[in-house]
Protein backbone atom coordinates (compact mmCIF):
# COMPACT_ATOMS: atom_id res chain seq x y z
CA UNK A 1 5.17 22.54 -3.07
CA UNK A 2 2.40 24.94 -3.84
CA UNK A 3 3.05 28.71 -3.30
CA UNK A 4 2.49 29.84 0.34
CA UNK A 5 -0.63 31.80 -0.56
CA UNK A 6 -2.18 28.62 -1.93
CA UNK A 7 -1.24 26.23 0.87
CA UNK A 8 -3.80 23.47 1.26
CA UNK A 9 -3.60 21.16 4.36
CA UNK A 10 -4.91 17.65 4.16
CA UNK A 11 -7.63 18.58 6.57
CA UNK A 12 -8.84 21.43 4.27
CA UNK A 13 -8.55 19.15 1.19
CA UNK A 14 -10.70 16.47 2.77
CA UNK A 15 -13.28 18.99 3.81
CA UNK A 16 -13.36 20.50 0.19
CA UNK A 17 -13.76 17.04 -1.22
CA UNK A 18 -16.59 16.23 1.22
CA UNK A 19 -18.53 19.32 0.28
CA UNK A 20 -18.79 17.86 -3.34
CA UNK A 21 -21.09 15.15 -1.80
CA UNK A 22 -24.06 16.68 -0.03
CA UNK A 23 -24.98 13.23 1.37
CA UNK A 24 -21.65 12.95 3.19
CA UNK A 25 -21.79 12.69 7.03
CA UNK A 26 -18.17 13.63 7.65
CA UNK A 27 -17.38 10.25 9.15
CA UNK A 28 -15.13 9.23 6.27
CA UNK A 29 -13.23 12.46 6.39
CA UNK A 30 -12.66 11.95 10.14
CA UNK A 31 -11.38 8.52 9.47
CA UNK A 32 -8.74 9.68 6.88
CA UNK A 33 -7.79 12.49 9.28
CA UNK A 34 -7.18 9.95 12.06
CA UNK A 35 -5.00 7.82 9.68
CA UNK A 36 -3.01 10.93 8.74
CA UNK A 37 -2.52 11.63 12.57
CA UNK A 38 -1.25 8.09 13.06
CA UNK A 39 1.17 8.55 10.15
CA UNK A 40 2.58 11.60 11.86
CA UNK A 41 3.20 9.69 15.09
CA UNK A 42 4.85 6.90 13.19
CA UNK A 43 6.81 9.18 11.02
CA UNK A 44 8.14 10.95 14.08
CA UNK A 45 9.49 7.74 15.59
CA UNK A 46 10.96 6.56 12.25
CA UNK A 47 12.76 9.89 11.89
CA UNK A 48 14.43 9.67 15.28
CA UNK A 49 14.92 5.87 15.35
CA UNK A 50 18.67 6.12 15.24
CA UNK A 51 18.68 8.32 18.42
CA UNK A 52 16.47 6.09 20.71
CA UNK A 53 16.19 2.40 21.60
CA UNK A 54 13.60 1.55 19.06
CA UNK A 55 15.73 0.06 16.26
CA UNK A 56 16.25 -3.62 15.98
CA UNK A 57 14.16 -6.70 16.65
CA UNK A 58 11.41 -6.93 19.30
CA UNK A 59 12.07 -10.56 19.95
CA UNK A 60 8.88 -12.00 18.62
CA UNK A 61 7.79 -13.32 15.17
CA UNK A 62 4.63 -12.19 13.28
CA UNK A 63 2.16 -14.42 11.69
CA UNK A 64 4.41 -14.95 8.66
CA UNK A 65 7.35 -16.26 10.83
CA UNK A 66 9.28 -12.98 10.25
CA UNK A 67 11.12 -11.34 13.15
CA UNK A 68 9.09 -8.31 14.28
CA UNK A 69 11.16 -5.05 14.42
CA UNK A 70 10.56 -2.78 17.32
CA UNK A 71 9.26 -0.11 15.15
CA UNK A 72 6.86 -2.65 13.51
CA UNK A 73 5.34 -3.29 16.90
CA UNK A 74 5.19 0.41 17.72
CA UNK A 75 3.52 1.26 14.36
CA UNK A 76 1.01 -1.49 14.69
CA UNK A 77 -0.11 -0.26 18.08
CA UNK A 78 -0.31 3.38 16.87
CA UNK A 79 -2.61 2.51 13.97
CA UNK A 80 -4.90 0.35 16.07
CA UNK A 81 -5.13 2.85 18.95
CA UNK A 82 -5.66 5.80 16.61
CA UNK A 83 -8.80 4.12 15.28
CA UNK A 84 -10.26 1.69 17.85
CA UNK A 85 -12.07 4.32 19.94
CA UNK A 86 -13.45 6.62 17.23
CA UNK A 87 -16.83 4.99 16.57
CA UNK A 88 -15.98 4.97 12.84
CA UNK A 89 -14.54 1.49 12.39
CA UNK A 90 -16.23 -1.89 12.53
CA UNK A 91 -13.02 -3.94 12.71
CA UNK A 92 -9.47 -3.84 11.54
CA UNK A 93 -6.84 -6.30 10.27
CA UNK A 94 -3.11 -5.93 10.38
CA UNK A 95 -0.33 -7.80 8.60
CA UNK A 96 1.16 -8.27 12.03
CA UNK A 97 -1.75 -10.07 13.52
CA UNK A 98 -2.97 -13.58 12.66
CA UNK A 99 -6.69 -12.84 13.00
CA UNK A 100 -8.79 -9.74 12.31
CA UNK A 101 -8.91 -7.10 15.09
CA UNK A 102 -12.36 -6.43 16.65
CA UNK A 103 -13.25 -3.09 18.26
CA UNK A 104 -13.27 -3.37 22.05
CA UNK A 105 -16.74 -3.76 23.56
CA UNK A 106 -16.33 -0.52 25.51
CA UNK A 107 -16.16 1.47 22.24
CA UNK A 108 -18.82 2.00 19.62
CA UNK A 109 -18.32 0.31 16.28
CA UNK A 110 -18.73 2.10 12.98
CA UNK A 111 -19.31 1.35 9.26
CA UNK A 112 -15.72 1.07 7.95
CA UNK A 113 -13.18 -1.66 7.84
CA UNK A 114 -9.43 -0.69 7.95
CA UNK A 115 -6.77 -3.09 6.72
CA UNK A 116 -3.16 -2.04 7.10
CA UNK A 117 0.50 -2.95 6.93
CA UNK A 118 1.78 -0.74 9.73
CA UNK A 119 5.44 -0.63 8.57
CA UNK A 120 6.16 -2.15 5.18
CA UNK A 121 9.83 -2.69 4.35
CA UNK A 122 10.91 -2.87 8.02
CA UNK A 123 13.87 -5.12 7.21
CA UNK A 124 15.41 -1.88 5.83
CA UNK A 125 15.03 0.05 8.98
CA UNK A 126 18.64 -0.47 10.23
CA UNK A 127 20.18 0.63 7.02
CA UNK A 128 18.08 3.90 6.71
CA UNK A 129 16.23 2.93 3.53
CA UNK A 130 12.77 4.41 2.93
CA UNK A 131 9.91 2.38 4.43
CA UNK A 132 6.12 3.02 4.65
CA UNK A 133 2.67 2.39 5.96
CA UNK A 134 -0.07 1.05 3.61
CA UNK A 135 -3.78 1.13 4.31
CA UNK A 136 -6.97 -0.03 2.67
CA UNK A 137 -10.61 0.95 3.64
CA UNK A 138 -13.79 -1.07 2.93
CA UNK A 139 -17.35 -0.57 4.04
CA UNK A 140 -18.78 -3.16 6.49
CA UNK A 141 -21.04 -5.68 4.68
CA UNK A 142 -22.00 -8.06 7.49
CA UNK A 143 -25.41 -7.75 9.18
CA UNK A 144 -24.21 -7.66 12.75
CA UNK A 145 -23.44 -4.55 14.84
CA UNK A 146 -19.73 -5.28 14.94
CA UNK A 147 -17.34 -6.28 12.15
CA UNK A 148 -16.38 -9.89 11.26
CA UNK A 149 -13.82 -11.66 9.20
CA UNK A 150 -16.38 -11.50 6.21
CA UNK A 151 -15.97 -7.67 6.30
CA UNK A 152 -12.24 -8.02 5.81
CA UNK A 153 -12.25 -10.51 3.06
CA UNK A 154 -13.52 -8.29 0.24
CA UNK A 155 -11.92 -7.95 -3.12
CA UNK A 156 -9.99 -4.92 -3.90
CA UNK A 157 -12.60 -3.68 -6.34
CA UNK A 158 -14.76 -2.88 -3.31
CA UNK A 159 -12.24 -0.60 -1.69
CA UNK A 160 -13.59 2.80 -0.88
CA UNK A 161 -10.08 4.17 -0.22
CA UNK A 162 -6.52 3.16 -0.27
CA UNK A 163 -3.23 4.87 0.46
CA UNK A 164 0.30 4.70 1.67
CA UNK A 165 2.68 6.87 3.73
CA UNK A 166 6.29 6.96 2.63
CA UNK A 167 8.94 7.77 5.31
CA UNK A 168 11.84 8.98 3.23
CA UNK A 169 13.82 12.20 2.78
CA UNK A 170 10.43 13.72 3.42
CA UNK A 171 7.24 12.12 4.69
CA UNK A 172 4.50 11.73 2.09
CA UNK A 173 0.88 10.55 2.26
CA UNK A 174 -0.65 9.45 -0.96
CA UNK A 175 -4.20 8.29 -1.12
CA UNK A 176 -7.25 7.77 -3.42
CA UNK A 177 -11.00 7.52 -2.79
CA UNK A 178 -11.68 6.40 -6.32
CA UNK A 179 -11.58 9.82 -7.78
CA UNK A 180 -7.97 10.34 -8.58
CA UNK A 181 -4.76 10.12 -6.53
CA UNK A 182 -3.44 12.98 -4.42
CA UNK A 183 -0.16 13.34 -2.57
CA UNK A 184 0.57 15.31 0.61
CA UNK A 185 4.06 16.13 2.05
CA UNK A 186 4.54 16.64 5.84
CA UNK A 187 5.95 20.06 6.72
CA UNK A 188 7.62 19.29 10.01
CA UNK A 189 7.81 22.98 10.94
CA UNK A 190 3.96 23.19 11.36
CA UNK A 191 3.21 19.52 11.67
CA UNK A 192 0.82 19.42 8.73
CA UNK A 193 0.47 17.37 5.62
CA UNK A 194 0.25 19.90 2.71
CA UNK A 195 -1.01 19.20 -0.77
CA UNK A 196 2.11 18.77 -2.92
CA UNK A 197 1.05 16.38 -5.69
CA UNK A 198 -2.55 16.92 -6.78
CA UNK A 199 -4.15 14.59 -9.36
CA UNK A 200 -1.12 12.24 -9.66
CA UNK A 201 -0.87 10.35 -12.91
CA UNK A 202 1.61 7.93 -14.31
CA UNK A 203 3.50 9.88 -17.08
CA UNK A 204 2.85 9.30 -20.72
CA UNK A 205 5.13 8.25 -22.37
CA UNK A 206 6.43 6.41 -19.29
CA UNK A 207 10.05 6.05 -18.31
CA UNK A 208 11.30 2.71 -19.56
CA UNK A 209 12.30 1.29 -16.22
CA UNK A 210 11.62 -2.09 -14.60
CA UNK A 211 11.97 -2.85 -10.96
CA UNK A 212 12.45 -6.43 -9.60
CA UNK A 213 14.89 -8.36 -7.39
CA UNK A 214 17.03 -10.10 -9.99
CA UNK A 215 18.82 -12.09 -7.27
CA UNK A 216 15.94 -14.49 -7.62
CA UNK A 217 16.31 -15.04 -11.35
CA UNK A 218 17.14 -18.72 -11.05
CA UNK A 219 13.96 -19.29 -9.01
CA UNK A 220 11.61 -17.75 -11.63
CA UNK A 221 9.50 -19.39 -14.24
CA UNK A 222 10.59 -19.45 -17.76
CA UNK A 223 8.07 -16.84 -18.64
CA UNK A 224 9.40 -14.39 -16.02
CA UNK A 225 12.95 -15.04 -17.12
CA UNK A 226 12.10 -14.27 -20.73
CA UNK A 227 10.23 -11.16 -19.70
CA UNK A 228 13.18 -9.64 -17.86
CA UNK A 229 15.56 -10.64 -20.60
CA UNK A 230 13.25 -9.00 -23.20
CA UNK A 231 13.05 -5.82 -21.15
CA UNK A 232 16.88 -5.57 -20.86
CA UNK A 233 17.69 -6.46 -24.45
CA UNK A 234 14.88 -5.77 -27.00
CA UNK A 235 13.00 -3.35 -24.77
CA UNK A 236 16.09 -1.35 -23.82
CA UNK A 237 14.78 -0.85 -20.30
CA UNK A 238 16.79 0.49 -17.40
CA UNK A 239 16.71 -1.14 -13.92
CA UNK A 240 15.95 0.45 -10.62
CA UNK A 241 15.20 -1.52 -7.45
CA UNK A 242 15.13 -0.18 -3.92
CA UNK A 243 13.80 -3.24 -2.10
CA UNK A 244 11.07 -1.42 -0.24
CA UNK A 245 7.59 -1.87 -1.76
CA UNK A 246 6.25 1.62 -0.87
CA UNK A 247 9.38 3.31 -2.22
CA UNK A 248 9.51 1.24 -5.43
CA UNK A 249 5.78 1.81 -6.19
CA UNK A 250 6.05 5.47 -5.38
CA UNK A 251 8.86 5.95 -7.86
CA UNK A 252 6.81 4.03 -10.47
CA UNK A 253 3.83 6.25 -9.85
CA UNK A 254 5.91 9.33 -10.31
CA UNK A 255 8.06 8.14 -13.24
CA UNK A 256 6.11 5.34 -14.93
CA UNK A 257 7.63 1.90 -15.66
CA UNK A 258 7.00 -1.62 -14.39
CA UNK A 259 7.38 -2.94 -10.80
CA UNK A 260 7.38 -6.73 -10.47
CA UNK A 261 7.22 -9.14 -7.49
CA UNK A 262 6.75 -12.43 -9.32
CA UNK A 263 6.08 -15.90 -7.94
CA UNK A 264 8.72 -18.66 -8.18
CA UNK A 265 8.95 -22.17 -9.51
CA UNK A 266 6.81 -24.30 -7.17
CA UNK A 267 5.74 -21.06 -5.29
CA UNK A 268 3.53 -19.22 -7.64
CA UNK A 269 1.93 -17.04 -5.09
CA UNK A 270 5.03 -14.97 -4.39
CA UNK A 271 5.56 -13.00 -1.18
CA UNK A 272 3.27 -9.93 -1.19
CA UNK A 273 -0.03 -10.04 0.74
CA UNK A 274 -3.10 -9.41 -1.17
CA UNK A 275 -4.96 -7.55 1.52
CA UNK A 276 -2.22 -5.44 3.00
CA UNK A 277 -0.03 -4.61 0.01
CA UNK A 278 -1.18 -5.70 -3.41
CA UNK A 279 -4.82 -4.55 -3.39
CA UNK A 280 -4.33 -1.08 -1.96
CA UNK A 281 -1.45 -0.37 -4.27
CA UNK A 282 -3.42 -1.74 -7.19
CA UNK A 283 -6.20 0.74 -6.47
CA UNK A 284 -3.73 3.62 -6.30
CA UNK A 285 -1.91 2.75 -9.53
CA UNK A 286 -5.13 2.15 -11.45
CA UNK A 287 -6.69 5.45 -10.21
CA UNK A 288 -3.50 7.11 -11.56
CA UNK A 289 -3.92 5.61 -15.05
CA UNK A 290 -1.85 2.44 -14.64
CA UNK A 291 -2.52 -1.26 -14.28
CA UNK A 292 -2.02 -3.86 -11.57
CA UNK A 293 -2.08 -7.57 -12.27
CA UNK A 294 -1.07 -10.87 -10.80
CA UNK A 295 0.46 -11.57 -14.18
CA UNK A 296 -2.80 -13.37 -15.15
CA UNK A 297 -5.71 -11.40 -13.74
CA UNK A 298 -6.37 -7.89 -12.36
CA UNK A 299 -5.45 -7.71 -8.75
CA UNK A 300 -8.59 -5.86 -7.86
CA UNK A 301 -10.69 -8.77 -9.09
CA UNK A 302 -9.04 -11.44 -6.89
CA UNK A 303 -11.48 -12.80 -4.37
CA UNK A 304 -9.56 -13.14 -1.08
CA UNK A 305 -9.71 -16.52 0.65
CA UNK A 306 -7.75 -15.61 3.75
CA UNK A 307 -6.41 -12.60 5.55
CA UNK A 308 -2.73 -13.35 4.73
CA UNK A 309 -3.20 -14.67 1.20
CA UNK A 310 -0.31 -13.94 -1.11
CA UNK A 311 -0.26 -12.99 -4.81
CA UNK A 312 2.37 -12.11 -7.39
CA UNK A 313 2.25 -8.39 -8.39
CA UNK A 314 2.88 -6.48 -11.61
CA UNK A 315 2.04 -2.76 -11.43
CA UNK A 316 2.84 0.26 -13.48
CA UNK A 317 2.24 1.74 -16.84
CA UNK A 318 -0.56 0.01 -18.73
CA UNK A 319 1.40 -1.03 -21.78
CA UNK A 320 4.16 -2.54 -19.70
CA UNK A 321 1.82 -4.56 -17.54
CA UNK A 322 0.01 -5.75 -20.61
CA UNK A 323 3.34 -6.91 -22.06
CA UNK A 324 4.17 -8.76 -18.91
CA UNK A 325 0.88 -10.68 -19.02
CA UNK A 326 1.46 -11.65 -22.64
CA UNK A 327 4.93 -12.98 -22.01
CA UNK A 328 3.96 -14.76 -18.86
CA UNK A 329 1.07 -16.44 -20.57
CA UNK A 330 3.62 -18.16 -22.89
CA UNK A 331 5.33 -19.88 -19.92
CA UNK A 332 4.26 -23.37 -18.63
CA UNK A 333 4.02 -22.20 -15.07
CA UNK A 334 2.26 -19.22 -13.46
CA UNK A 335 -0.26 -17.96 -11.07
CA UNK A 336 -3.72 -19.55 -11.10
CA UNK A 337 -6.00 -17.99 -13.72
C-alpha cells in the first residue's frame, strides 16, 4: 500500500487518467466508478455471507444448466441495477442470463456495452475460497439508439476496458483501458479502493509454475498430456491450482507462470466462456506483458458467434504460452484453428 501521504483513490486515479485525454467527456470515468461501487456492494455481501442467509443455492439453474448460488443472483442484480439507469450503457450481457440485457425504456441508453460474470467461482462460496467478478467493456457499434446483440458479439480486440474484482483476504479491483494494468485494494475502514499495484506487469523472469486441474488428465488430448508431463519433468515446473479463475489468473499476473483450462477429447471448446471470462482476462494479461491463447490462436482475435461461446484458455508469461501452443500443435486433436 502506498504511504498515507500518497494515497490515491480509484476516483482520483480515474480523473487523473481522464485529464490526459482532452477529448474525454467523463462518461467512461463515471462508468468505471459505477462498476467499482457495484464491486463494493457485492464484496460486502461476500464478506458477511457466512453470517446471513445468502449462502447456498437459489433453487434455479442458469443458462448453462448450473445451479445458481444465492450470491450469484444477488451479484447479477447488483451489477445490472448499478448500470441500467446511468445513461452510459447501451445494453449488457451477463453469464447468468440467456440473452443480452437491454436498458429499460424508461432510462436513457448510452454508448457503452458491459459484459460481465457477476460472481465467478461461485461453487467455492461455501468453502470460503476466493471468488470474483469479471467485466468487459465495448463501445456500441450498431446504428440504433439502443444496444443489440451485435453490440455484444465483438472480438476481445475491440474491448475498451476489462477488469476483475477479487474477493479474497482483501478485496482487489484490477483493470485496464489498454494503457497498462492497475490494481486497487479496498480499505474497508474508509470504504475506498486505493491504488496499491500501479502498472502491473508479469515478472521477468517468471516463476516456473503451471496451474491446471490435473484431475481431468485422462480426458485431455495427447498434446495437452504431453505438455503437462513436459512441464513437470523436463521443465521442472511447480504446480499451483486454486480452482477459482479470478484467483488463479491473479496469482499468475503477480508471479508469472502458465494458467490452463484446456479442452477435452471430443469437447475441444472447454468450459470457460469467451465473452465473460476469457476475453477480459486475455486483455488484462496481454496489457501486463503476457499472452493469452486458445492453444491455437490469440483469444483476443476470436470472433464470437454466440453470447455463451466457450473456448480453451492458456494465459500467462509469453514464453510459456508459446511453448504450450507448440506442443499442442503436435497433437492430433485440438481447438479449431
